[in-house]
Amino acid sequence: LLPPPARCPRRALHKQKDGTEFKSIYSLDKLYPESQGSDTAWRVPDGAKQADSDIPLERYLYLKGTPWIQ
């Protein structure tokens, strides 16, 4: 995810007062010990497979060439 802009007017409107931040009894480091770093959102879990297409290339190209689908 991209970080928010440095100067965001809406962010200034909704800024919390010091000492009023939400504090959870659960530590995110304990709940998600392997989720560290900026590439976490893009990693695929171990054992997960990417979806394979069952449609042969010839059928795909045939359907793409039909005027009623374009």
PDB file of N, CA and C in Angstrom:
ATOM      1  N   LEU A   1       0.836  -1.182   0.000  1.00  0.00           N
ATOM      2  CA  LEU A   1       0.000   0.000   0.000  1.00  0.00           C
ATOM      3  C   LEU A   1       0.875   1.238   0.000  1.00  0.00           C
ATOM      4  N   LEU A   2       0.360   2.257  -0.602  1.00  0.00           N
ATOM      5  CA  LEU A   2       1.112   3.498  -0.658  1.00  0.00           C
ATOM      6  C   LEU A   2       0.895   4.297   0.621  1.00  0.00           C
ATOM      7  N   PRO A   3       1.924   4.977   1.088  1.00  0.00           N
ATOM      8  CA  PRO A   3       1.746   5.817   2.273  1.00  0.00           C
ATOM      9  C   PRO A   3       0.900   7.033   1.921  1.00  0.00           C
ATOM     10  N   PRO A   4       0.208   7.614   2.895  1.00  0.00           N
ATOM     11  CA  PRO A   4      -0.594   8.804   2.618  1.00  0.00           C
ATOM     12  C   PRO A   4       0.315   9.982   2.292  1.00  0.00           C
ATOM     13  N   PRO A   5      -0.208  10.971   1.582  1.00  0.00           N
ATOM     14  CA  PRO A   5       0.602  12.151   1.274  1.00  0.00           C
ATOM     15  C   PRO A   5       1.070  12.837   2.552  1.00  0.00           C
ATOM     16  N   ALA A   6       2.182  13.524   2.447  1.00  0.00           N
ATOM     17  CA  ALA A   6       2.763  14.179   3.623  1.00  0.00           C
ATOM     18  C   ALA A   6       1.807  15.216   4.211  1.00  0.00           C
ATOM     19  N   ARG A   7       1.188  16.001   3.367  1.00  0.00           N
ATOM     20  CA  ARG A   7       0.262  17.025   3.857  1.00  0.00           C
ATOM     21  C   ARG A   7      -1.120  16.741   3.296  1.00  0.00           C
ATOM     22  N   CYS A   8      -1.954  16.147   4.080  1.00  0.00           N
ATOM     23  CA  CYS A   8      -3.307  15.800   3.648  1.00  0.00           C
ATOM     24  C   CYS A   8      -4.298  16.583   4.512  1.00  0.00           C
ATOM     25  N   PRO A   9      -5.083  17.489   3.927  1.00  0.00           N
ATOM     26  CA  PRO A   9      -6.002  18.305   4.738  1.00  0.00           C
ATOM     27  C   PRO A   9      -7.038  17.478   5.501  1.00  0.00           C
ATOM     28  N   ARG A  10      -7.544  16.420   4.907  1.00  0.00           N
ATOM     29  CA  ARG A  10      -8.528  15.595   5.617  1.00  0.00           C
ATOM     30  C   ARG A  10      -7.904  14.910   6.815  1.00  0.00           C
ATOM     31  N   ARG A  11      -6.650  14.515   6.662  1.00  0.00           N
ATOM     32  CA  ARG A  11      -5.957  13.857   7.765  1.00  0.00           C
ATOM     33  C   ARG A  11      -5.818  14.810   8.956  1.00  0.00           C
ATOM     34  N   ALA A  12      -5.579  16.069   8.671  1.00  0.00           N
ATOM     35  CA  ALA A  12      -5.454  17.058   9.740  1.00  0.00           C
ATOM     36  C   ALA A  12      -6.791  17.252  10.463  1.00  0.00           C
ATOM     37  N   LEU A  13      -7.902  17.155   9.733  1.00  0.00           N
ATOM     38  CA  LEU A  13      -9.216  17.322  10.359  1.00  0.00           C
ATOM     39  C   LEU A  13      -9.538  16.188  11.325  1.00  0.00           C
ATOM     40  N   HIS A  14      -9.071  14.984  11.016  1.00  0.00           N
ATOM     41  CA  HIS A  14      -9.411  13.812  11.816  1.00  0.00           C
ATOM     42  C   HIS A  14      -8.273  13.369  12.722  1.00  0.00           C
ATOM     43  N   LYS A  15      -7.330  14.233  12.963  1.00  0.00           N
ATOM     44  CA  LYS A  15      -6.189  13.875  13.795  1.00  0.00           C
ATOM     45  C   LYS A  15      -6.636  13.698  15.248  1.00  0.00           C
ATOM     46  N   GLN A  16      -6.147  12.637  15.871  1.00  0.00           N
ATOM     47  CA  GLN A  16      -6.502  12.380  17.263  1.00  0.00           C
ATOM     48  C   GLN A  16      -5.606  13.195  18.187  1.00  0.00           C
ATOM     49  N   LYS A  17      -6.135  13.471  19.346  1.00  0.00           N
ATOM     50  CA  LYS A  17      -5.344  14.174  20.348  1.00  0.00           C
ATOM     51  C   LYS A  17      -4.297  13.229  20.907  1.00  0.00           C
ATOM     52  N   ASP A  18      -3.208  13.776  21.368  1.00  0.00           N
ATOM     53  CA  ASP A  18      -2.141  12.954  21.939  1.00  0.00           C
ATOM     54  C   ASP A  18      -2.657  12.185  23.149  1.00  0.00           C
ATOM     55  N   GLY A  19      -2.306  10.906  23.214  1.00  0.00           N
ATOM     56  CA  GLY A  19      -2.705  10.068  24.333  1.00  0.00           C
ATOM     57  C   GLY A  19      -4.051   9.390  24.148  1.00  0.00           C
ATOM     58  N   THR A  20      -4.732   9.637  23.017  1.00  0.00           N
ATOM     59  CA  THR A  20      -6.042   9.023  22.798  1.00  0.00           C
ATOM     60  C   THR A  20      -6.002   7.950  21.715  1.00  0.00           C
ATOM     61  N   GLU A  21      -4.811   7.497  21.340  1.00  0.00           N
ATOM     62  CA  GLU A  21      -4.702   6.467  20.312  1.00  0.00           C
ATOM     63  C   GLU A  21      -5.302   5.165  20.822  1.00  0.00           C
ATOM     64  N   PHE A  22      -5.812   4.359  19.894  1.00  0.00           N
ATOM     65  CA  PHE A  22      -6.368   3.062  20.251  1.00  0.00           C
ATOM     66  C   PHE A  22      -5.242   2.121  20.631  1.00  0.00           C
ATOM     67  N   LYS A  23      -5.410   1.426  21.730  1.00  0.00           N
ATOM     68  CA  LYS A  23      -4.423   0.452  22.176  1.00  0.00           C
ATOM     69  C   LYS A  23      -5.137  -0.872  22.381  1.00  0.00           C
ATOM     70  N   SER A  24      -4.636  -1.897  21.729  1.00  0.00           N
ATOM     71  CA  SER A  24      -5.249  -3.216  21.787  1.00  0.00           C
ATOM     72  C   SER A  24      -4.526  -4.079  22.811  1.00  0.00           C
ATOM     73  N   ILE A  25      -5.243  -5.060  23.345  1.00  0.00           N
ATOM     74  CA  ILE A  25      -4.597  -5.997  24.263  1.00  0.00           C
ATOM     75  C   ILE A  25      -3.823  -7.050  23.483  1.00  0.00           C
ATOM     76  N   TYR A  26      -4.044  -7.096  22.155  1.00  0.00           N
ATOM     77  CA  TYR A  26      -3.369  -8.073  21.307  1.00  0.00           C
ATOM     78  C   TYR A  26      -2.207  -7.413  20.576  1.00  0.00           C
ATOM     79  N   SER A  27      -1.094  -8.071  20.550  1.00  0.00           N
ATOM     80  CA  SER A  27       0.061  -7.574  19.824  1.00  0.00           C
ATOM     81  C   SER A  27       0.000  -8.087  18.391  1.00  0.00           C
ATOM     82  N   LEU A  28       0.080  -7.182  17.430  1.00  0.00           N
ATOM     83  CA  LEU A  28       0.050  -7.603  16.035  1.00  0.00           C
ATOM     84  C   LEU A  28       1.265  -8.448  15.689  1.00  0.00           C
ATOM     85  N   ASP A  29       2.379  -8.217  16.354  1.00  0.00           N
ATOM     86  CA  ASP A  29       3.572  -9.029  16.107  1.00  0.00           C
ATOM     87  C   ASP A  29       3.343 -10.476  16.523  1.00  0.00           C
ATOM     88  N   LYS A  30       2.536 -10.687  17.556  1.00  0.00           N
ATOM     89  CA  LYS A  30       2.252 -12.057  17.985  1.00  0.00           C
ATOM     90  C   LYS A  30       1.182 -12.702  17.106  1.00  0.00           C
ATOM     91  N   LEU A  31       0.206 -11.906  16.642  1.00  0.00           N
ATOM     92  CA  LEU A  31      -0.839 -12.445  15.779  1.00  0.00           C
ATOM     93  C   LEU A  31      -0.311 -12.771  14.389  1.00  0.00           C
ATOM     94  N   TYR A  32       0.556 -11.914  13.868  1.00  0.00           N
ATOM     95  CA  TYR A  32       1.102 -12.079  12.518  1.00  0.00           C
ATOM     96  C   TYR A  32       2.624 -11.998  12.571  1.00  0.00           C
ATOM     97  N   PRO A  33       3.289 -13.029  13.068  1.00  0.00           N
ATOM     98  CA  PRO A  33       4.738 -12.947  13.260  1.00  0.00           C
ATOM     99  C   PRO A  33       5.536 -12.867  11.965  1.00  0.00           C
ATOM    100  N   GLU A  34       5.003 -13.393  10.869  1.00  0.00           N
ATOM    101  CA  GLU A  34       5.762 -13.396   9.623  1.00  0.00           C
ATOM    102  C   GLU A  34       5.447 -12.203   8.733  1.00  0.00           C
ATOM    103  N   SER A  35       4.551 -11.336   9.139  1.00  0.00           N
ATOM    104  CA  SER A  35       4.165 -10.219   8.285  1.00  0.00           C
ATOM    105  C   SER A  35       4.981  -8.980   8.630  1.00  0.00           C
ATOM    106  N   GLN A  36       6.166  -8.949   8.115  1.00  0.00           N
ATOM    107  CA  GLN A  36       7.031  -7.794   8.310  1.00  0.00           C
ATOM    108  C   GLN A  36       7.584  -7.382   6.964  1.00  0.00           C
ATOM    109  N   GLY A  37       7.677  -6.106   6.737  1.00  0.00           N
ATOM    110  CA  GLY A  37       8.215  -5.598   5.489  1.00  0.00           C
ATOM    111  C   GLY A  37       7.116  -5.091   4.573  1.00  0.00           C
ATOM    112  N   SER A  38       7.532  -4.335   3.570  1.00  0.00           N
ATOM    113  CA  SER A  38       6.561  -3.710   2.675  1.00  0.00           C
ATOM    114  C   SER A  38       6.006  -4.669   1.633  1.00  0.00           C
ATOM    115  N   ASP A  39       6.656  -5.822   1.426  1.00  0.00           N
ATOM    116  CA  ASP A  39       6.186  -6.746   0.398  1.00  0.00           C
ATOM    117  C   ASP A  39       5.213  -7.790   0.938  1.00  0.00           C
ATOM    118  N   THR A  40       4.753  -7.648   2.153  1.00  0.00           N
ATOM    119  CA  THR A  40       3.883  -8.646   2.780  1.00  0.00           C
ATOM    120  C   THR A  40       2.581  -8.824   2.014  1.00  0.00           C
ATOM    121  N   ALA A  41       1.992  -7.734   1.539  1.00  0.00           N
ATOM    122  CA  ALA A  41       0.707  -7.820   0.844  1.00  0.00           C
ATOM    123  C   ALA A  41       0.819  -8.530  -0.496  1.00  0.00           C
ATOM    124  N   TRP A  42       2.019  -8.642  -1.038  1.00  0.00           N
ATOM    125  CA  TRP A  42       2.186  -9.223  -2.364  1.00  0.00           C
ATOM    126  C   TRP A  42       2.639 -10.674  -2.308  1.00  0.00           C
ATOM    127  N   ARG A  43       2.923 -11.202  -1.142  1.00  0.00           N
ATOM    128  CA  ARG A  43       3.393 -12.583  -1.039  1.00  0.00           C
ATOM    129  C   ARG A  43       2.226 -13.553  -1.091  1.00  0.00           C
ATOM    130  N   VAL A  44       2.467 -14.702  -1.689  1.00  0.00           N
ATOM    131  CA  VAL A  44       1.468 -15.767  -1.736  1.00  0.00           C
ATOM    132  C   VAL A  44       1.830 -16.763  -0.647  1.00  0.00           C
ATOM    133  N   PRO A  45       0.868 -17.183   0.187  1.00  0.00           N
ATOM    134  CA  PRO A  45       1.176 -18.132   1.260  1.00  0.00           C
ATOM    135  C   PRO A  45       1.742 -19.442   0.711  1.00  0.00           C
ATOM    136  N   ASP A  46       2.541 -20.108   1.511  1.00  0.00           N
ATOM    137  CA  ASP A  46       3.098 -21.394   1.104  1.00  0.00           C
ATOM    138  C   ASP A  46       1.968 -22.381   0.848  1.00  0.00           C
ATOM    139  N   GLY A  47       2.085 -23.152  -0.194  1.00  0.00           N
ATOM    140  CA  GLY A  47       1.072 -24.142  -0.528  1.00  0.00           C
ATOM    141  C   GLY A  47      -0.047 -23.602  -1.398  1.00  0.00           C
ATOM    142  N   ALA A  48      -0.134 -22.282  -1.546  1.00  0.00           N
ATOM    143  CA  ALA A  48      -1.186 -21.702  -2.380  1.00  0.00           C
ATOM    144  C   ALA A  48      -0.748 -21.745  -3.839  1.00  0.00           C
ATOM    145  N   LYS A  49      -1.664 -22.095  -4.695  1.00  0.00           N
ATOM    146  CA  LYS A  49      -1.369 -22.166  -6.119  1.00  0.00           C
ATOM    147  C   LYS A  49      -2.056 -21.008  -6.822  1.00  0.00           C
ATOM    148  N   GLN A  50      -1.416 -20.523  -7.852  1.00  0.00           N
ATOM    149  CA  GLN A  50      -2.074 -19.522  -8.667  1.00  0.00           C
ATOM    150  C   GLN A  50      -3.054 -20.235  -9.582  1.00  0.00           C
ATOM    151  N   ALA A  51      -4.146 -19.556  -9.894  1.00  0.00           N
ATOM    152  CA  ALA A  51      -5.193 -20.168 -10.709  1.00  0.00           C
ATOM    153  C   ALA A  51      -4.670 -20.465 -12.110  1.00  0.00           C
ATOM    154  N   ASP A  52      -4.902 -21.673 -12.564  1.00  0.00           N
ATOM    155  CA  ASP A  52      -4.545 -22.065 -13.918  1.00  0.00           C
ATOM    156  C   ASP A  52      -5.788 -21.966 -14.786  1.00  0.00           C
ATOM    157  N   SER A  53      -5.570 -21.580 -16.027  1.00  0.00           N
ATOM    158  CA  SER A  53      -6.679 -21.470 -16.956  1.00  0.00           C
ATOM    159  C   SER A  53      -6.949 -22.818 -17.604  1.00  0.00           C
ATOM    160  N   ASP A  54      -8.209 -23.203 -17.690  1.00  0.00           N
ATOM    161  CA  ASP A  54      -8.598 -24.442 -18.349  1.00  0.00           C
ATOM    162  C   ASP A  54      -8.875 -24.235 -19.833  1.00  0.00           C
ATOM    163  N   ILE A  55      -8.996 -22.976 -20.245  1.00  0.00           N
ATOM    164  CA  ILE A  55      -9.366 -22.680 -21.619  1.00  0.00           C
ATOM    165  C   ILE A  55      -8.119 -22.714 -22.498  1.00  0.00           C
ATOM    166  N   PRO A  56      -8.127 -23.539 -23.533  1.00  0.00           N
ATOM    167  CA  PRO A  56      -6.981 -23.560 -24.442  1.00  0.00           C
ATOM    168  C   PRO A  56      -6.834 -22.229 -25.171  1.00  0.00           C
ATOM    169  N   LEU A  57      -5.629 -21.939 -25.603  1.00  0.00           N
ATOM    170  CA  LEU A  57      -5.344 -20.677 -26.267  1.00  0.00           C
ATOM    171  C   LEU A  57      -6.157 -20.523 -27.545  1.00  0.00           C
ATOM    172  N   GLU A  58      -6.349 -21.608 -28.286  1.00  0.00           N
ATOM    173  CA  GLU A  58      -7.091 -21.514 -29.542  1.00  0.00           C
ATOM    174  C   GLU A  58      -8.531 -21.058 -29.296  1.00  0.00           C
ATOM    175  N   ARG A  59      -9.165 -21.596 -28.277  1.00  0.00           N
ATOM    176  CA  ARG A  59     -10.543 -21.218 -27.968  1.00  0.00           C
ATOM    177  C   ARG A  59     -10.601 -19.763 -27.531  1.00  0.00           C
ATOM    178  N   TYR A  60      -9.616 -19.327 -26.756  1.00  0.00           N
ATOM    179  CA  TYR A  60      -9.574 -17.939 -26.307  1.00  0.00           C
ATOM    180  C   TYR A  60      -9.467 -17.003 -27.505  1.00  0.00           C
ATOM    181  N   LEU A  61      -8.552 -17.313 -28.423  1.00  0.00           N
ATOM    182  CA  LEU A  61      -8.378 -16.455 -29.585  1.00  0.00           C
ATOM    183  C   LEU A  61      -9.616 -16.484 -30.480  1.00  0.00           C
ATOM    184  N   TYR A  62     -10.276 -17.638 -30.585  1.00  0.00           N
ATOM    185  CA  TYR A  62     -11.498 -17.733 -31.381  1.00  0.00           C
ATOM    186  C   TYR A  62     -12.585 -16.832 -30.791  1.00  0.00           C
ATOM    187  N   LEU A  63     -12.777 -16.900 -29.487  1.00  0.00           N
ATOM    188  CA  LEU A  63     -13.804 -16.077 -28.847  1.00  0.00           C
ATOM    189  C   LEU A  63     -13.457 -14.601 -28.912  1.00  0.00           C
ATOM    190  N   LYS A  64     -12.184 -14.281 -28.811  1.00  0.00           N
ATOM    191  CA  LYS A  64     -11.766 -12.882 -28.863  1.00  0.00           C
ATOM    192  C   LYS A  64     -12.022 -12.290 -30.246  1.00  0.00           C
ATOM    193  N   GLY A  65     -11.966 -13.125 -31.282  1.00  0.00           N
ATOM    194  CA  GLY A  65     -12.160 -12.645 -32.644  1.00  0.00           C
ATOM    195  C   GLY A  65     -13.611 -12.499 -33.057  1.00  0.00           C
ATOM    196  N   THR A  66     -14.552 -12.944 -32.258  1.00  0.00           N
ATOM    197  CA  THR A  66     -15.960 -12.842 -32.636  1.00  0.00           C
ATOM    198  C   THR A  66     -16.463 -11.418 -32.431  1.00  0.00           C
ATOM    199  N   PRO A  67     -17.246 -10.900 -33.379  1.00  0.00           N
ATOM    200  CA  PRO A  67     -17.687  -9.495 -33.286  1.00  0.00           C
ATOM    201  C   PRO A  67     -18.673  -9.248 -32.144  1.00  0.00           C
ATOM    202  N   TRP A  68     -19.424 -10.249 -31.723  1.00  0.00           N
ATOM    203  CA  TRP A  68     -20.428 -10.003 -30.685  1.00  0.00           C
ATOM    204  C   TRP A  68     -19.832  -9.947 -29.288  1.00  0.00           C
ATOM    205  N   ILE A  69     -18.570 -10.361 -29.121  1.00  0.00           N
ATOM    206  CA  ILE A  69     -17.931 -10.267 -27.801  1.00  0.00           C
ATOM    207  C   ILE A  69     -17.168  -8.957 -27.660  1.00  0.00           C
ATOM    208  N   GLN A  70     -16.662  -8.457 -28.750  1.00  0.00           N
ATOM    209  CA  GLN A  70     -15.872  -7.223 -28.692  1.00  0.00           C
ATOM    210  C   GLN A  70     -16.766  -6.116 -28.274  1.00  0.00           C
TER     211      GLN A  70
END
